[in-house]
Amino acid sequence: MNATGTLRVLLVDDHAVVREGYRRLLERAEGITVVGEAGTASDGYQAFCRLEPDVVVMDISLPDVSGIEAMRRILAREPGARVLVFSMHEEAIFPTRAFQAGAKGYITKASAPEALVEAVRTVASDRTYLSQDVAQTLALRNVTGQDAGLSVLSAREFEIMRLLVSGHTVSSIAAKLGLGYKTVANYQSSIRHKLGAENATQLLGIAARTGLLTDEPAAGADTRQRTLE
């Protein structure tokens, strides 16, 4: 927050029209200004470093790496950064992983418009915010243990699995994450071992069962299994 008491917000979402809607909504609220926008995780990270906003409103589904990975990078640079995840994903695995990565809040795009303003102000005050639908989903998760199987994965393994089951190849994942091909291949083997998946079909089944398999595939649905072979 600057000397005038205005909350400075950075928007990270890959849809320009959506960002424009967020901007108008937030800037209609007293004491909030949008200081920057970005359409990818990489651009979001660079904008954060340059602008030093009070709150980052971050989508999960981005064209390069996920918003969770982007948040991990931001918090590695600035542990006190306040990130509010604003996503279409209601499945328990996504808010769970977002909070594990350091998010201060999670709100779905199905929420009422005024909820976003409330969430930004709550997160800016260093308090946790959950939209009602996410709170209900997490409560149900605690009862059913829906995504318990993925809890054995590290943050890096989770990101690589998310990319794998979305249809990305080991080579493309290596390029996205700045890792060597062999390193990603070793992570892939580790993921299968930890989850007890002997083949691509079983890994995809785990992803579907835990709610991870929700994004559109990278290159068509028929590529998902092939890229996991």
C-alpha atoms as a PDB file:
ATOM      1  CA  MET A   1       0.000   0.000   0.000  1.00  0.00           C
ATOM      2  CA  ASN A   2       1.414   3.392  -0.940  1.00  0.00           C
ATOM      3  CA  ALA A   3       1.476   6.580   1.108  1.00  0.00           C
ATOM      4  CA  THR A   4      -2.038   7.515   0.006  1.00  0.00           C
ATOM      5  CA  GLY A   5      -3.463   4.261   1.329  1.00  0.00           C
ATOM      6  CA  THR A   6      -4.364   2.938  -2.121  1.00  0.00           C
ATOM      7  CA  LEU A   7      -4.093  -0.813  -2.704  1.00  0.00           C
ATOM      8  CA  ARG A   8      -1.972  -1.567  -5.761  1.00  0.00           C
ATOM      9  CA  VAL A   9      -3.062  -4.698  -7.643  1.00  0.00           C
ATOM     10  CA  LEU A  10      -1.424  -6.751 -10.396  1.00  0.00           C
ATOM     11  CA  LEU A  11      -3.725  -8.897 -12.583  1.00  0.00           C
ATOM     12  CA  VAL A  12      -2.381 -12.117 -14.137  1.00  0.00           C
ATOM     13  CA  ASP A  13      -4.822 -13.862 -16.487  1.00  0.00           C
ATOM     14  CA  ASP A  14      -4.349 -15.019 -20.073  1.00  0.00           C
ATOM     15  CA  HIS A  15      -7.597 -13.468 -21.344  1.00  0.00           C
ATOM     16  CA  ALA A  16      -7.357  -9.734 -22.032  1.00  0.00           C
ATOM     17  CA  VAL A  17     -11.141  -9.284 -21.953  1.00  0.00           C
ATOM     18  CA  VAL A  18     -11.312 -10.966 -18.546  1.00  0.00           C
ATOM     19  CA  ARG A  19      -8.517  -8.750 -17.213  1.00  0.00           C
ATOM     20  CA  GLU A  20     -10.376  -5.669 -18.452  1.00  0.00           C
ATOM     21  CA  GLY A  21     -13.459  -6.777 -16.557  1.00  0.00           C
ATOM     22  CA  TYR A  22     -11.430  -7.311 -13.383  1.00  0.00           C
ATOM     23  CA  ARG A  23      -9.782  -3.924 -13.780  1.00  0.00           C
ATOM     24  CA  ARG A  24     -13.082  -2.087 -14.116  1.00  0.00           C
ATOM     25  CA  LEU A  25     -14.592  -3.954 -11.195  1.00  0.00           C
ATOM     26  CA  LEU A  26     -11.670  -3.296  -8.872  1.00  0.00           C
ATOM     27  CA  GLU A  27     -11.121   0.322  -9.838  1.00  0.00           C
ATOM     28  CA  ARG A  28     -14.784   1.112  -9.166  1.00  0.00           C
ATOM     29  CA  ALA A  29     -14.035   0.222  -5.549  1.00  0.00           C
ATOM     30  CA  GLU A  30     -12.649   2.960  -3.343  1.00  0.00           C
ATOM     31  CA  GLY A  31      -8.935   2.750  -2.587  1.00  0.00           C
ATOM     32  CA  ILE A  32      -7.954   0.130  -5.184  1.00  0.00           C
ATOM     33  CA  THR A  33      -5.960   0.681  -8.372  1.00  0.00           C
ATOM     34  CA  VAL A  34      -4.700  -1.826 -10.927  1.00  0.00           C
ATOM     35  CA  VAL A  35      -1.043  -1.013 -11.593  1.00  0.00           C
ATOM     36  CA  GLY A  36      -0.340  -3.736 -14.154  1.00  0.00           C
ATOM     37  CA  GLU A  37      -1.537  -6.731 -16.130  1.00  0.00           C
ATOM     38  CA  ALA A  38       0.080  -9.878 -17.520  1.00  0.00           C
ATOM     39  CA  GLY A  39      -1.096 -12.786 -19.637  1.00  0.00           C
ATOM     40  CA  THR A  40       1.519 -15.401 -18.753  1.00  0.00           C
ATOM     41  CA  ALA A  41       3.270 -16.650 -15.628  1.00  0.00           C
ATOM     42  CA  SER A  42       6.603 -15.351 -16.887  1.00  0.00           C
ATOM     43  CA  ASP A  43       5.246 -11.885 -17.651  1.00  0.00           C
ATOM     44  CA  GLY A  44       3.441 -11.909 -14.316  1.00  0.00           C
ATOM     45  CA  TYR A  45       6.665 -12.602 -12.468  1.00  0.00           C
ATOM     46  CA  GLN A  46       8.489  -9.831 -14.332  1.00  0.00           C
ATOM     47  CA  ALA A  47       5.639  -7.409 -13.657  1.00  0.00           C
ATOM     48  CA  PHE A  48       5.690  -8.297  -9.967  1.00  0.00           C
ATOM     49  CA  CYS A  49       9.422  -7.595  -9.751  1.00  0.00           C
ATOM     50  CA  ARG A  50       9.019  -4.293 -11.560  1.00  0.00           C
ATOM     51  CA  LEU A  51       5.833  -2.979  -9.930  1.00  0.00           C
ATOM     52  CA  GLU A  52       5.950  -4.451  -6.404  1.00  0.00           C
ATOM     53  CA  PRO A  53       2.137  -4.568  -6.034  1.00  0.00           C
ATOM     54  CA  ASP A  54       0.327  -5.039  -2.738  1.00  0.00           C
ATOM     55  CA  VAL A  55      -1.759  -7.924  -4.106  1.00  0.00           C
ATOM     56  CA  VAL A  56      -1.366 -10.213  -7.100  1.00  0.00           C
ATOM     57  CA  VAL A  57      -4.634 -11.598  -8.495  1.00  0.00           C
ATOM     58  CA  MET A  58      -3.502 -14.777 -10.229  1.00  0.00           C
ATOM     59  CA  ASP A  59      -5.294 -17.276 -12.453  1.00  0.00           C
ATOM     60  CA  ILE A  60      -4.151 -20.919 -12.330  1.00  0.00           C
ATOM     61  CA  SER A  61      -4.526 -21.821 -16.010  1.00  0.00           C
ATOM     62  CA  LEU A  62      -1.862 -19.856 -17.881  1.00  0.00           C
ATOM     63  CA  PRO A  63      -0.301 -20.651 -21.271  1.00  0.00           C
ATOM     64  CA  ASP A  64       3.273 -21.243 -20.098  1.00  0.00           C
ATOM     65  CA  VAL A  65       3.226 -22.669 -16.562  1.00  0.00           C
ATOM     66  CA  SER A  66       0.502 -22.648 -13.932  1.00  0.00           C
ATOM     67  CA  GLY A  67      -0.319 -19.785 -11.647  1.00  0.00           C
ATOM     68  CA  ILE A  68       0.754 -22.010  -8.764  1.00  0.00           C
ATOM     69  CA  GLU A  69       4.236 -22.289 -10.271  1.00  0.00           C
ATOM     70  CA  ALA A  70       4.269 -18.535 -10.910  1.00  0.00           C
ATOM     71  CA  MET A  71       3.304 -17.925  -7.291  1.00  0.00           C
ATOM     72  CA  ARG A  72       6.103 -20.223  -6.124  1.00  0.00           C
ATOM     73  CA  ARG A  73       8.597 -18.097  -8.066  1.00  0.00           C
ATOM     74  CA  ILE A  74       7.160 -14.838  -6.743  1.00  0.00           C
ATOM     75  CA  LEU A  75       7.285 -16.034  -3.138  1.00  0.00           C
ATOM     76  CA  ALA A  76      10.825 -17.321  -3.590  1.00  0.00           C
ATOM     77  CA  ARG A  77      11.794 -13.751  -4.465  1.00  0.00           C
ATOM     78  CA  GLU A  78       9.517 -12.019  -1.941  1.00  0.00           C
ATOM     79  CA  PRO A  79       8.247 -14.272   0.874  1.00  0.00           C
ATOM     80  CA  GLY A  80       5.850 -11.585   2.046  1.00  0.00           C
ATOM     81  CA  ALA A  81       4.037 -11.306  -1.291  1.00  0.00           C
ATOM     82  CA  ARG A  82       0.254 -11.563  -1.104  1.00  0.00           C
ATOM     83  CA  VAL A  83      -1.287 -13.660  -3.874  1.00  0.00           C
ATOM     84  CA  LEU A  84      -5.001 -14.135  -4.394  1.00  0.00           C
ATOM     85  CA  VAL A  85      -5.856 -17.008  -6.726  1.00  0.00           C
ATOM     86  CA  PHE A  86      -8.882 -16.233  -8.893  1.00  0.00           C
ATOM     87  CA  SER A  87      -9.700 -19.341 -10.897  1.00  0.00           C
ATOM     88  CA  MET A  88     -12.408 -21.352 -12.617  1.00  0.00           C
ATOM     89  CA  HIS A  89     -11.232 -24.474 -10.769  1.00  0.00           C
ATOM     90  CA  GLU A  90     -13.369 -25.564  -7.799  1.00  0.00           C
ATOM     91  CA  GLU A  91     -11.804 -29.029  -7.410  1.00  0.00           C
ATOM     92  CA  ALA A  92     -10.200 -29.456  -3.984  1.00  0.00           C
ATOM     93  CA  ILE A  93      -6.735 -30.216  -5.341  1.00  0.00           C
ATOM     94  CA  PHE A  94      -6.283 -26.704  -6.743  1.00  0.00           C
ATOM     95  CA  PRO A  95      -6.994 -24.575  -3.641  1.00  0.00           C
ATOM     96  CA  THR A  96      -5.138 -27.153  -1.551  1.00  0.00           C
ATOM     97  CA  ARG A  97      -2.007 -26.825  -3.674  1.00  0.00           C
ATOM     98  CA  ALA A  98      -2.396 -23.062  -3.957  1.00  0.00           C
ATOM     99  CA  PHE A  99      -2.384 -22.646  -0.186  1.00  0.00           C
ATOM    100  CA  GLN A 100       0.499 -25.068   0.162  1.00  0.00           C
ATOM    101  CA  ALA A 101       2.415 -22.868  -2.284  1.00  0.00           C
ATOM    102  CA  GLY A 102       1.692 -19.787  -0.184  1.00  0.00           C
ATOM    103  CA  ALA A 103      -1.518 -18.225  -1.516  1.00  0.00           C
ATOM    104  CA  LYS A 104      -3.336 -15.910   0.886  1.00  0.00           C
ATOM    105  CA  GLY A 105      -6.701 -16.420  -0.750  1.00  0.00           C
ATOM    106  CA  TYR A 106      -8.640 -18.455  -3.280  1.00  0.00           C
ATOM    107  CA  ILE A 107     -11.796 -17.350  -5.034  1.00  0.00           C
ATOM    108  CA  THR A 108     -13.579 -18.908  -8.006  1.00  0.00           C
ATOM    109  CA  LYS A 109     -14.816 -17.055 -11.052  1.00  0.00           C
ATOM    110  CA  ALA A 110     -18.325 -18.203 -10.195  1.00  0.00           C
ATOM    111  CA  SER A 111     -18.276 -15.876  -7.175  1.00  0.00           C
ATOM    112  CA  ALA A 112     -20.284 -12.664  -7.025  1.00  0.00           C
ATOM    113  CA  PRO A 113     -18.383  -9.607  -8.352  1.00  0.00           C
ATOM    114  CA  GLU A 114     -18.248  -7.925  -4.954  1.00  0.00           C
ATOM    115  CA  ALA A 115     -16.492 -11.004  -3.563  1.00  0.00           C
ATOM    116  CA  LEU A 116     -13.377 -10.178  -5.592  1.00  0.00           C
ATOM    117  CA  VAL A 117     -13.168  -6.721  -4.044  1.00  0.00           C
ATOM    118  CA  GLU A 118     -13.647  -8.176  -0.571  1.00  0.00           C
ATOM    119  CA  ALA A 119     -11.023 -10.841  -1.264  1.00  0.00           C
ATOM    120  CA  VAL A 120      -8.438  -8.301  -2.441  1.00  0.00           C
ATOM    121  CA  ARG A 121      -8.937  -6.164   0.680  1.00  0.00           C
ATOM    122  CA  THR A 122      -8.792  -9.217   2.954  1.00  0.00           C
ATOM    123  CA  VAL A 123      -5.594 -10.556   1.399  1.00  0.00           C
ATOM    124  CA  ALA A 124      -4.032  -7.072   1.442  1.00  0.00           C
ATOM    125  CA  SER A 125      -4.550  -7.009   5.210  1.00  0.00           C
ATOM    126  CA  ASP A 126      -2.614 -10.300   5.424  1.00  0.00           C
ATOM    127  CA  ARG A 127      -5.679 -12.372   6.229  1.00  0.00           C
ATOM    128  CA  THR A 128      -6.847 -15.513   4.448  1.00  0.00           C
ATOM    129  CA  TYR A 129      -9.841 -15.415   2.118  1.00  0.00           C
ATOM    130  CA  LEU A 130     -11.874 -18.338   0.789  1.00  0.00           C
ATOM    131  CA  SER A 131     -14.937 -17.991  -1.401  1.00  0.00           C
ATOM    132  CA  GLN A 132     -17.927 -19.906  -0.090  1.00  0.00           C
ATOM    133  CA  ASP A 133     -17.847 -22.587  -2.786  1.00  0.00           C
ATOM    134  CA  VAL A 134     -14.150 -23.269  -2.176  1.00  0.00           C
ATOM    135  CA  ALA A 135     -14.694 -23.490   1.575  1.00  0.00           C
ATOM    136  CA  GLN A 136     -17.413 -26.082   0.980  1.00  0.00           C
ATOM    137  CA  THR A 137     -15.204 -28.039  -1.422  1.00  0.00           C
ATOM    138  CA  LEU A 138     -12.317 -28.139   1.056  1.00  0.00           C
ATOM    139  CA  ALA A 139     -14.640 -29.214   3.854  1.00  0.00           C
ATOM    140  CA  LEU A 140     -15.873 -32.067   1.666  1.00  0.00           C
ATOM    141  CA  ARG A 141     -12.274 -32.967   0.823  1.00  0.00           C
ATOM    142  CA  ASN A 142     -11.496 -33.304   4.506  1.00  0.00           C
ATOM    143  CA  VAL A 143     -14.348 -35.809   4.821  1.00  0.00           C
ATOM    144  CA  THR A 144     -13.763 -37.809   1.639  1.00  0.00           C
ATOM    145  CA  GLY A 145      -9.984 -37.481   1.227  1.00  0.00           C
ATOM    146  CA  GLN A 146     -10.558 -36.856  -2.485  1.00  0.00           C
ATOM    147  CA  ASP A 147      -7.069 -35.654  -3.375  1.00  0.00           C
ATOM    148  CA  ALA A 148      -5.103 -37.385  -0.630  1.00  0.00           C
ATOM    149  CA  GLY A 149      -3.179 -39.463  -3.157  1.00  0.00           C
ATOM    150  CA  LEU A 150      -1.455 -36.421  -4.648  1.00  0.00           C
ATOM    151  CA  SER A 151      -0.225 -35.172  -1.278  1.00  0.00           C
ATOM    152  CA  VAL A 152       2.895 -37.316  -1.687  1.00  0.00           C
ATOM    153  CA  LEU A 153       4.053 -35.187  -4.618  1.00  0.00           C
ATOM    154  CA  SER A 154       6.403 -32.259  -4.146  1.00  0.00           C
ATOM    155  CA  ALA A 155       5.476 -28.872  -5.604  1.00  0.00           C
ATOM    156  CA  ARG A 156       7.735 -29.503  -8.602  1.00  0.00           C
ATOM    157  CA  GLU A 157       6.331 -33.000  -9.147  1.00  0.00           C
ATOM    158  CA  PHE A 158       2.774 -31.673  -8.976  1.00  0.00           C
ATOM    159  CA  GLU A 159       3.490 -29.042 -11.627  1.00  0.00           C
ATOM    160  CA  ILE A 160       5.132 -31.602 -13.902  1.00  0.00           C
ATOM    161  CA  MET A 161       2.256 -34.045 -13.475  1.00  0.00           C
ATOM    162  CA  ARG A 162      -0.244 -31.286 -14.262  1.00  0.00           C
ATOM    163  CA  LEU A 163       1.612 -30.533 -17.480  1.00  0.00           C
ATOM    164  CA  LEU A 164       2.006 -34.204 -18.394  1.00  0.00           C
ATOM    165  CA  VAL A 165      -1.671 -35.048 -18.050  1.00  0.00           C
ATOM    166  CA  SER A 166      -2.563 -31.902 -20.014  1.00  0.00           C
ATOM    167  CA  GLY A 167      -0.715 -33.351 -23.005  1.00  0.00           C
ATOM    168  CA  HIS A 168       2.691 -31.692 -22.794  1.00  0.00           C
ATOM    169  CA  THR A 169       5.758 -33.712 -23.757  1.00  0.00           C
ATOM    170  CA  VAL A 170       8.815 -34.148 -21.550  1.00  0.00           C
ATOM    171  CA  SER A 171      10.730 -31.886 -23.950  1.00  0.00           C
ATOM    172  CA  SER A 172       8.168 -29.080 -23.789  1.00  0.00           C
ATOM    173  CA  ILE A 173       7.979 -29.309 -19.997  1.00  0.00           C
ATOM    174  CA  ALA A 174      11.755 -29.080 -19.769  1.00  0.00           C
ATOM    175  CA  ALA A 175      11.669 -25.917 -21.876  1.00  0.00           C
ATOM    176  CA  LYS A 176       8.815 -24.351 -19.891  1.00  0.00           C
ATOM    177  CA  LEU A 177      10.422 -24.985 -16.503  1.00  0.00           C
ATOM    178  CA  GLY A 178      14.015 -24.370 -17.534  1.00  0.00           C
ATOM    179  CA  LEU A 179      15.035 -27.930 -16.678  1.00  0.00           C
ATOM    180  CA  GLY A 180      16.999 -30.592 -18.538  1.00  0.00           C
ATOM    181  CA  TYR A 181      15.180 -33.331 -20.445  1.00  0.00           C
ATOM    182  CA  LYS A 182      16.682 -36.025 -18.221  1.00  0.00           C
ATOM    183  CA  THR A 183      15.648 -34.151 -15.075  1.00  0.00           C
ATOM    184  CA  VAL A 184      12.013 -34.018 -16.192  1.00  0.00           C
ATOM    185  CA  ALA A 185      12.125 -37.672 -17.254  1.00  0.00           C
ATOM    186  CA  ASN A 186      13.403 -38.573 -13.775  1.00  0.00           C
ATOM    187  CA  TYR A 187      10.589 -36.546 -12.201  1.00  0.00           C
ATOM    188  CA  GLN A 188       8.113 -38.408 -14.387  1.00  0.00           C
ATOM    189  CA  SER A 189       9.466 -41.733 -13.126  1.00  0.00           C
ATOM    190  CA  SER A 190       9.323 -40.500  -9.535  1.00  0.00           C
ATOM    191  CA  ILE A 191       5.703 -39.368  -9.957  1.00  0.00           C
ATOM    192  CA  ARG A 192       4.651 -42.760 -11.275  1.00  0.00           C
ATOM    193  CA  HIS A 193       6.488 -44.538  -8.482  1.00  0.00           C
ATOM    194  CA  LYS A 194       4.971 -42.381  -5.734  1.00  0.00           C
ATOM    195  CA  LEU A 195       1.451 -42.746  -7.117  1.00  0.00           C
ATOM    196  CA  GLY A 196       1.785 -46.438  -7.930  1.00  0.00           C
ATOM    197  CA  ALA A 197       1.018 -45.844 -11.616  1.00  0.00           C
ATOM    198  CA  GLU A 198       2.545 -48.497 -13.841  1.00  0.00           C
ATOM    199  CA  ASN A 199       1.516 -46.888 -17.117  1.00  0.00           C
ATOM    200  CA  ALA A 200       0.021 -43.785 -18.740  1.00  0.00           C
ATOM    201  CA  THR A 201      -3.556 -44.984 -18.421  1.00  0.00           C
ATOM    202  CA  GLN A 202      -3.231 -45.413 -14.660  1.00  0.00           C
ATOM    203  CA  LEU A 203      -1.629 -41.980 -14.281  1.00  0.00           C
ATOM    204  CA  LEU A 204      -4.429 -40.367 -16.254  1.00  0.00           C
ATOM    205  CA  GLY A 205      -6.957 -42.246 -14.124  1.00  0.00           C
ATOM    206  CA  ILE A 206      -5.419 -40.836 -10.945  1.00  0.00           C
ATOM    207  CA  ALA A 207      -5.477 -37.330 -12.421  1.00  0.00           C
ATOM    208  CA  ALA A 208      -9.151 -37.678 -13.347  1.00  0.00           C
ATOM    209  CA  ARG A 209     -10.122 -39.157  -9.977  1.00  0.00           C
ATOM    210  CA  THR A 210      -8.453 -36.374  -7.981  1.00  0.00           C
ATOM    211  CA  GLY A 211      -9.827 -33.542 -10.111  1.00  0.00           C
ATOM    212  CA  LEU A 212      -6.491 -32.644 -11.693  1.00  0.00           C
ATOM    213  CA  LEU A 213      -7.547 -33.566 -15.223  1.00  0.00           C
ATOM    214  CA  THR A 214      -9.691 -30.499 -15.885  1.00  0.00           C
ATOM    215  CA  ASP A 215      -7.719 -28.294 -18.283  1.00  0.00           C
ATOM    216  CA  GLU A 216      -7.942 -28.620 -22.046  1.00  0.00           C
ATOM    217  CA  PRO A 217      -5.132 -30.833 -23.385  1.00  0.00           C
ATOM    218  CA  ALA A 218      -2.135 -29.130 -24.939  1.00  0.00           C
ATOM    219  CA  ALA A 219      -2.514 -30.637 -28.409  1.00  0.00           C
ATOM    220  CA  GLY A 220      -5.839 -32.479 -28.513  1.00  0.00           C
ATOM    221  CA  ALA A 221      -7.325 -35.066 -26.210  1.00  0.00           C
ATOM    222  CA  ASP A 222      -5.778 -37.973 -28.076  1.00  0.00           C
ATOM    223  CA  THR A 223      -2.276 -36.743 -27.249  1.00  0.00           C
ATOM    224  CA  ARG A 224      -2.608 -37.085 -23.486  1.00  0.00           C
ATOM    225  CA  GLN A 225      -1.791 -40.761 -23.269  1.00  0.00           C
ATOM    226  CA  ARG A 226       0.760 -40.655 -26.046  1.00  0.00           C
ATOM    227  CA  THR A 227       2.854 -37.947 -24.363  1.00  0.00           C
ATOM    228  CA  LEU A 228       2.834 -39.945 -21.137  1.00  0.00           C
ATOM    229  CA  GLU A 229       4.272 -43.080 -22.715  1.00  0.00           C
END
